[in-house]
Amino acid sequence: MEVVEAHPQLTLVEFEVEHGATFPFHSPKRVVVTVGYPPGTEPPTLVNRIYDRVTAINEGPFGLGFGDDLQVEVHYTAVESTDGVKGTNGDE
C-alpha cells in the first residue's frame, strides 16, 4: 500500500476490505489496515490518507462510489525486528 510504503520505518502487517451484505459486492464498506512501527517511536497518523486513497480508487473510472458509508480503521502495533543486527550475546 503506497501510503504505508511512503514511510520506510512502517510495515504493512494486514489489510482487510469488507463489503456490504448486498449482492453484487461493488463497494467496500469497511477497510482495516494494521501497521507495524518500531517500538519507542510515534507512528504517523494515516487514517485520512488511507481514506482519501481508497475513495480515489473507488471513485475512479471503474469505481461505483460508496457515499458516506465507508469506514476506515488503522490499527498500530509495535514491531521489533533484528533486521540484520547481531545480538550482544555473540549469537548471529
N, C-alpha and C. Protein backbone atom coordinates (compact mmCIF):
# COMPACT_ATOMS: atom_id res chain seq x y z
N MET A 1 0.85 -1.17 0.00
CA MET A 1 0.00 0.00 0.00
C MET A 1 0.89 1.24 0.00
N GLU A 2 0.68 2.09 -0.95
CA GLU A 2 1.54 3.26 -1.18
C GLU A 2 1.62 4.19 0.02
N VAL A 3 0.53 4.35 0.75
CA VAL A 3 0.52 5.27 1.89
C VAL A 3 1.49 4.79 2.96
N VAL A 4 1.53 3.50 3.22
CA VAL A 4 2.44 2.94 4.22
C VAL A 4 3.86 2.91 3.68
N GLU A 5 4.03 2.57 2.40
CA GLU A 5 5.36 2.49 1.80
C GLU A 5 6.07 3.85 1.78
N ALA A 6 5.32 4.93 1.87
CA ALA A 6 5.92 6.26 1.89
C ALA A 6 6.68 6.52 3.19
N HIS A 7 6.51 5.64 4.18
CA HIS A 7 7.18 5.74 5.47
C HIS A 7 8.02 4.48 5.67
N PRO A 8 9.32 4.54 5.38
CA PRO A 8 10.15 3.33 5.42
C PRO A 8 10.24 2.66 6.78
N GLN A 9 9.96 3.38 7.86
CA GLN A 9 10.01 2.78 9.19
C GLN A 9 8.77 1.95 9.49
N LEU A 10 7.75 2.04 8.65
CA LEU A 10 6.50 1.31 8.88
C LEU A 10 6.46 0.01 8.09
N THR A 11 5.66 -0.93 8.59
CA THR A 11 5.45 -2.21 7.93
C THR A 11 3.96 -2.46 7.80
N LEU A 12 3.51 -2.85 6.62
CA LEU A 12 2.12 -3.24 6.45
C LEU A 12 1.96 -4.65 6.99
N VAL A 13 1.19 -4.80 8.06
CA VAL A 13 1.00 -6.10 8.70
C VAL A 13 -0.21 -6.81 8.11
N GLU A 14 -1.30 -6.07 7.94
CA GLU A 14 -2.53 -6.68 7.42
C GLU A 14 -3.39 -5.61 6.76
N PHE A 15 -4.12 -6.02 5.73
CA PHE A 15 -5.02 -5.13 5.00
C PHE A 15 -6.31 -5.90 4.74
N GLU A 16 -7.42 -5.42 5.27
CA GLU A 16 -8.70 -6.11 5.10
C GLU A 16 -9.70 -5.16 4.46
N VAL A 17 -10.52 -5.70 3.57
CA VAL A 17 -11.61 -4.94 2.98
C VAL A 17 -12.88 -5.74 3.18
N GLU A 18 -13.87 -5.11 3.79
CA GLU A 18 -15.17 -5.76 4.00
C GLU A 18 -16.21 -5.09 3.11
N HIS A 19 -17.01 -5.91 2.46
CA HIS A 19 -18.07 -5.42 1.59
C HIS A 19 -19.40 -5.61 2.29
N GLY A 20 -20.39 -4.86 1.87
CA GLY A 20 -21.72 -5.00 2.43
C GLY A 20 -22.33 -6.35 2.10
N ALA A 21 -23.45 -6.63 2.69
CA ALA A 21 -24.11 -7.92 2.50
C ALA A 21 -24.93 -7.98 1.21
N THR A 22 -25.12 -6.88 0.55
CA THR A 22 -25.91 -6.84 -0.67
C THR A 22 -25.11 -7.37 -1.84
N PHE A 23 -25.74 -8.18 -2.66
CA PHE A 23 -25.09 -8.71 -3.85
C PHE A 23 -25.49 -7.84 -5.04
N PRO A 24 -24.66 -7.53 -5.97
CA PRO A 24 -23.24 -7.85 -6.02
C PRO A 24 -22.43 -6.92 -5.13
N PHE A 25 -21.28 -7.41 -4.68
CA PHE A 25 -20.43 -6.65 -3.77
C PHE A 25 -19.61 -5.65 -4.59
N HIS A 26 -20.11 -4.45 -4.72
CA HIS A 26 -19.45 -3.46 -5.55
C HIS A 26 -18.45 -2.60 -4.79
N SER A 27 -18.84 -2.11 -3.66
CA SER A 27 -18.03 -1.10 -2.98
C SER A 27 -17.68 -1.54 -1.57
N PRO A 28 -16.50 -1.16 -1.12
CA PRO A 28 -16.12 -1.50 0.25
C PRO A 28 -16.96 -0.72 1.26
N LYS A 29 -17.25 -1.36 2.36
CA LYS A 29 -17.95 -0.70 3.46
C LYS A 29 -17.00 -0.39 4.60
N ARG A 30 -15.97 -1.23 4.74
CA ARG A 30 -15.02 -1.06 5.84
C ARG A 30 -13.64 -1.51 5.38
N VAL A 31 -12.64 -0.70 5.67
CA VAL A 31 -11.26 -1.03 5.37
C VAL A 31 -10.49 -0.95 6.68
N VAL A 32 -9.77 -2.04 7.00
CA VAL A 32 -8.97 -2.10 8.22
C VAL A 32 -7.52 -2.36 7.83
N VAL A 33 -6.63 -1.46 8.23
CA VAL A 33 -5.21 -1.59 7.92
C VAL A 33 -4.46 -1.69 9.24
N THR A 34 -3.62 -2.71 9.37
CA THR A 34 -2.77 -2.85 10.55
C THR A 34 -1.35 -2.52 10.14
N VAL A 35 -0.76 -1.57 10.85
CA VAL A 35 0.56 -1.04 10.52
C VAL A 35 1.51 -1.30 11.69
N GLY A 36 2.68 -1.84 11.38
CA GLY A 36 3.71 -2.03 12.39
C GLY A 36 4.68 -0.86 12.38
N TYR A 37 5.14 -0.49 13.56
CA TYR A 37 6.10 0.60 13.69
C TYR A 37 7.13 0.22 14.74
N PRO A 38 8.33 0.80 14.70
CA PRO A 38 9.36 0.44 15.67
C PRO A 38 8.99 0.90 17.08
N PRO A 39 9.22 0.04 18.09
CA PRO A 39 8.94 0.43 19.47
C PRO A 39 9.74 1.69 19.85
N GLY A 40 9.14 2.51 20.68
CA GLY A 40 9.81 3.72 21.13
C GLY A 40 9.68 4.89 20.18
N THR A 41 8.95 4.70 19.07
CA THR A 41 8.70 5.79 18.13
C THR A 41 7.20 6.05 18.07
N GLU A 42 6.85 7.17 17.53
CA GLU A 42 5.44 7.54 17.37
C GLU A 42 5.08 7.38 15.89
N PRO A 43 4.12 6.51 15.55
CA PRO A 43 3.76 6.33 14.14
C PRO A 43 2.98 7.55 13.64
N PRO A 44 3.08 7.84 12.35
CA PRO A 44 2.31 8.94 11.79
C PRO A 44 0.83 8.57 11.71
N THR A 45 -0.02 9.55 11.73
CA THR A 45 -1.46 9.34 11.57
C THR A 45 -1.74 9.12 10.08
N LEU A 46 -2.33 7.97 9.75
CA LEU A 46 -2.53 7.60 8.36
C LEU A 46 -3.99 7.49 7.93
N VAL A 47 -4.93 7.53 8.85
CA VAL A 47 -6.31 7.20 8.53
C VAL A 47 -6.89 8.11 7.43
N ASN A 48 -6.63 9.40 7.47
CA ASN A 48 -7.19 10.29 6.44
C ASN A 48 -6.55 10.04 5.08
N ARG A 49 -5.25 9.78 5.05
CA ARG A 49 -4.58 9.50 3.78
C ARG A 49 -5.06 8.19 3.17
N ILE A 50 -5.28 7.18 4.03
CA ILE A 50 -5.79 5.90 3.52
C ILE A 50 -7.22 6.07 3.02
N TYR A 51 -8.05 6.79 3.76
CA TYR A 51 -9.42 7.06 3.32
C TYR A 51 -9.41 7.75 1.96
N ASP A 52 -8.58 8.79 1.82
CA ASP A 52 -8.51 9.52 0.55
C ASP A 52 -8.08 8.61 -0.58
N ARG A 53 -7.12 7.72 -0.31
CA ARG A 53 -6.62 6.80 -1.35
C ARG A 53 -7.69 5.80 -1.77
N VAL A 54 -8.40 5.23 -0.79
CA VAL A 54 -9.45 4.26 -1.10
C VAL A 54 -10.58 4.94 -1.88
N THR A 55 -10.97 6.13 -1.47
CA THR A 55 -12.05 6.81 -2.19
C THR A 55 -11.62 7.20 -3.61
N ALA A 56 -10.35 7.58 -3.79
CA ALA A 56 -9.86 7.92 -5.13
C ALA A 56 -9.91 6.72 -6.06
N ILE A 57 -9.55 5.56 -5.53
CA ILE A 57 -9.59 4.33 -6.34
C ILE A 57 -11.03 3.97 -6.65
N ASN A 58 -11.88 3.99 -5.66
CA ASN A 58 -13.26 3.54 -5.82
C ASN A 58 -14.09 4.51 -6.66
N GLU A 59 -13.74 5.78 -6.67
CA GLU A 59 -14.50 6.75 -7.46
C GLU A 59 -13.86 7.01 -8.81
N GLY A 60 -12.85 6.22 -9.17
CA GLY A 60 -12.19 6.35 -10.45
C GLY A 60 -13.11 5.92 -11.59
N PRO A 61 -12.55 5.75 -12.78
CA PRO A 61 -13.39 5.46 -13.95
C PRO A 61 -14.17 4.15 -13.87
N PHE A 62 -13.69 3.18 -13.08
CA PHE A 62 -14.39 1.90 -12.98
C PHE A 62 -15.04 1.69 -11.62
N GLY A 63 -14.82 2.63 -10.70
CA GLY A 63 -15.41 2.52 -9.37
C GLY A 63 -16.88 2.89 -9.40
N LEU A 64 -17.60 2.45 -8.40
CA LEU A 64 -19.03 2.70 -8.34
C LEU A 64 -19.40 3.69 -7.25
N GLY A 65 -18.42 4.13 -6.47
CA GLY A 65 -18.72 5.06 -5.38
C GLY A 65 -19.38 4.34 -4.23
N PHE A 66 -19.38 4.97 -3.07
CA PHE A 66 -19.97 4.33 -1.90
C PHE A 66 -20.59 5.32 -0.95
N GLY A 67 -20.65 6.58 -1.30
CA GLY A 67 -21.28 7.56 -0.43
C GLY A 67 -20.50 7.76 0.85
N ASP A 68 -21.21 8.03 1.91
CA ASP A 68 -20.59 8.32 3.20
C ASP A 68 -20.50 7.09 4.10
N ASP A 69 -20.75 5.90 3.55
CA ASP A 69 -20.80 4.69 4.37
C ASP A 69 -19.45 4.07 4.65
N LEU A 70 -18.39 4.51 3.98
CA LEU A 70 -17.09 3.87 4.15
C LEU A 70 -16.50 4.19 5.52
N GLN A 71 -16.05 3.14 6.19
CA GLN A 71 -15.37 3.27 7.48
C GLN A 71 -13.94 2.77 7.30
N VAL A 72 -12.97 3.60 7.68
CA VAL A 72 -11.56 3.22 7.60
C VAL A 72 -10.99 3.20 9.01
N GLU A 73 -10.32 2.10 9.35
CA GLU A 73 -9.64 1.96 10.65
C GLU A 73 -8.18 1.65 10.40
N VAL A 74 -7.31 2.27 11.20
CA VAL A 74 -5.90 1.94 11.16
C VAL A 74 -5.51 1.47 12.56
N HIS A 75 -5.01 0.26 12.64
CA HIS A 75 -4.53 -0.31 13.89
C HIS A 75 -3.01 -0.25 13.87
N TYR A 76 -2.43 0.22 14.95
CA TYR A 76 -0.98 0.34 15.05
C TYR A 76 -0.47 -0.69 16.06
N THR A 77 0.64 -1.34 15.71
CA THR A 77 1.24 -2.30 16.61
C THR A 77 2.76 -2.15 16.57
N ALA A 78 3.38 -2.15 17.73
CA ALA A 78 4.84 -2.06 17.80
C ALA A 78 5.43 -3.38 17.31
N VAL A 79 6.44 -3.31 16.45
CA VAL A 79 7.06 -4.49 15.87
C VAL A 79 8.57 -4.40 16.08
N GLU A 80 9.13 -5.36 16.82
CA GLU A 80 10.58 -5.43 17.00
C GLU A 80 11.15 -6.35 15.92
N SER A 81 12.30 -5.98 15.42
CA SER A 81 12.95 -6.79 14.40
C SER A 81 14.46 -6.65 14.54
N THR A 82 15.18 -7.76 14.36
CA THR A 82 16.63 -7.68 14.38
C THR A 82 17.14 -7.00 13.11
N ASP A 83 16.46 -7.19 12.00
CA ASP A 83 16.78 -6.53 10.74
C ASP A 83 18.28 -6.59 10.43
N GLY A 84 18.87 -7.77 10.64
CA GLY A 84 20.28 -7.97 10.32
C GLY A 84 21.23 -7.56 11.43
N VAL A 85 20.73 -7.15 12.57
CA VAL A 85 21.57 -6.73 13.68
C VAL A 85 21.94 -7.95 14.52
N LYS A 86 23.23 -8.11 14.88
CA LYS A 86 23.66 -9.25 15.69
C LYS A 86 23.35 -8.99 17.14
N GLY A 87 23.03 -10.06 17.84
CA GLY A 87 22.77 -9.96 19.28
C GLY A 87 24.03 -9.68 20.07
N THR A 88 23.87 -9.22 21.29
CA THR A 88 25.03 -8.88 22.13
C THR A 88 25.63 -10.09 22.82
N ASN A 89 24.97 -11.25 22.74
CA ASN A 89 25.49 -12.45 23.41
C ASN A 89 26.34 -13.30 22.46
N GLY A 90 26.68 -12.76 21.28
CA GLY A 90 27.54 -13.49 20.36
C GLY A 90 26.77 -14.30 19.34
N ASP A 91 25.47 -14.44 19.49
CA ASP A 91 24.66 -15.17 18.51
C ASP A 91 24.50 -14.33 17.25
N GLU A 92 24.38 -15.02 16.12
CA GLU A 92 24.15 -14.30 14.86
C GLU A 92 22.79 -14.65 14.33
